[in-house]
Protein backbone atom coordinates (compact mmCIF):
# COMPACT_ATOMS: atom_id res chain seq x y z
CA UNK A 1 8.25 1.37 25.56
CA UNK A 2 8.17 3.32 22.16
CA UNK A 3 6.91 1.23 19.05
CA UNK A 4 8.99 2.15 16.00
CA UNK A 5 7.04 2.36 13.00
CA UNK A 6 8.53 1.37 9.52
CA UNK A 7 8.81 3.98 6.79
CA UNK A 8 5.80 4.97 4.94
CA UNK A 9 5.65 4.06 1.17
CA UNK A 10 4.67 7.09 -0.39
CA UNK A 11 6.23 5.87 -3.75
CA UNK A 12 3.83 2.93 -4.03
CA UNK A 13 0.97 5.54 -3.35
CA UNK A 14 2.39 7.42 -6.57
CA UNK A 15 2.50 4.27 -8.29
CA UNK A 16 -1.16 3.32 -7.72
CA UNK A 17 -2.27 6.83 -8.45
CA UNK A 18 -0.22 7.03 -11.89
CA UNK A 19 -1.75 3.52 -12.78
CA UNK A 20 -5.37 4.86 -11.81
CA UNK A 21 -5.55 1.84 -9.09
CA UNK A 22 -6.90 1.85 -5.50
CA UNK A 23 -5.74 0.37 -2.42
CA UNK A 24 -8.71 -2.22 -3.20
CA UNK A 25 -7.18 -3.03 -6.67
CA UNK A 26 -3.87 -3.57 -5.00
CA UNK A 27 -5.23 -5.75 -2.27
CA UNK A 28 -7.13 -7.92 -4.98
CA UNK A 29 -3.56 -8.01 -6.70
CA UNK A 30 -2.01 -9.21 -3.51
CA UNK A 31 -4.97 -11.54 -2.32
CA UNK A 32 -5.06 -9.53 0.82
CA UNK A 33 -7.54 -7.34 2.69
CA UNK A 34 -7.74 -3.56 1.97
CA UNK A 35 -6.84 -3.06 5.65
CA UNK A 36 -3.85 -5.13 5.35
CA UNK A 37 -2.52 -3.09 2.37
CA UNK A 38 -3.43 0.19 3.93
CA UNK A 39 -1.27 -0.87 7.04
CA UNK A 40 1.80 -2.13 4.96
CA UNK A 41 1.62 1.26 2.82
CA UNK A 42 1.49 3.40 6.15
CA UNK A 43 4.43 1.35 7.52
CA UNK A 44 2.56 -0.21 10.33
CA UNK A 45 3.22 -3.77 9.05
CA UNK A 46 6.25 -5.07 7.00
CA UNK A 47 5.76 -6.35 3.35
CA UNK A 48 6.29 -9.96 2.66
CA UNK A 49 8.83 -10.77 -0.03
CA UNK A 50 5.76 -12.51 -2.21
CA UNK A 51 3.61 -9.30 -2.10
CA UNK A 52 6.71 -7.18 -3.32
CA UNK A 53 7.27 -9.78 -6.17
CA UNK A 54 3.62 -9.51 -7.10
CA UNK A 55 3.56 -5.75 -7.36
CA UNK A 56 6.76 -6.07 -9.32
CA UNK A 57 5.33 -8.33 -11.85
CA UNK A 58 2.08 -6.80 -12.12
CA UNK A 59 3.21 -3.36 -12.62
CA UNK A 60 6.12 -4.53 -14.71
CA UNK A 61 8.66 -2.57 -12.64
CA UNK A 62 12.23 -2.30 -13.90
CA UNK A 63 14.73 -3.18 -11.31
CA UNK A 64 15.59 0.39 -10.56
CA UNK A 65 12.13 1.55 -10.17
CA UNK A 66 11.17 -1.51 -7.78
CA UNK A 67 14.44 -0.68 -5.52
CA UNK A 68 13.58 3.24 -5.17
CA UNK A 69 9.93 2.20 -4.39
CA UNK A 70 10.62 -0.21 -1.78
CA UNK A 71 14.21 0.11 -0.46
CA UNK A 72 14.98 4.03 -1.23
CA UNK A 73 17.84 3.08 -3.42
């Protein structure tokens, strides 16, 4: 049986780079481990809505930017 991976979140990597943040910084913001953040960004685990909201608020993302990062809109 083939395991389907979720899409990788390349745009969140770009956001972190732009902000000068690391996976460790994002893990602290989310209250998660670095490995959990890495799994989410690599598309191996789904994001939780609460995590998405924390990212949106912390980085002050507009609706448009938020949707483009997480929903490819």
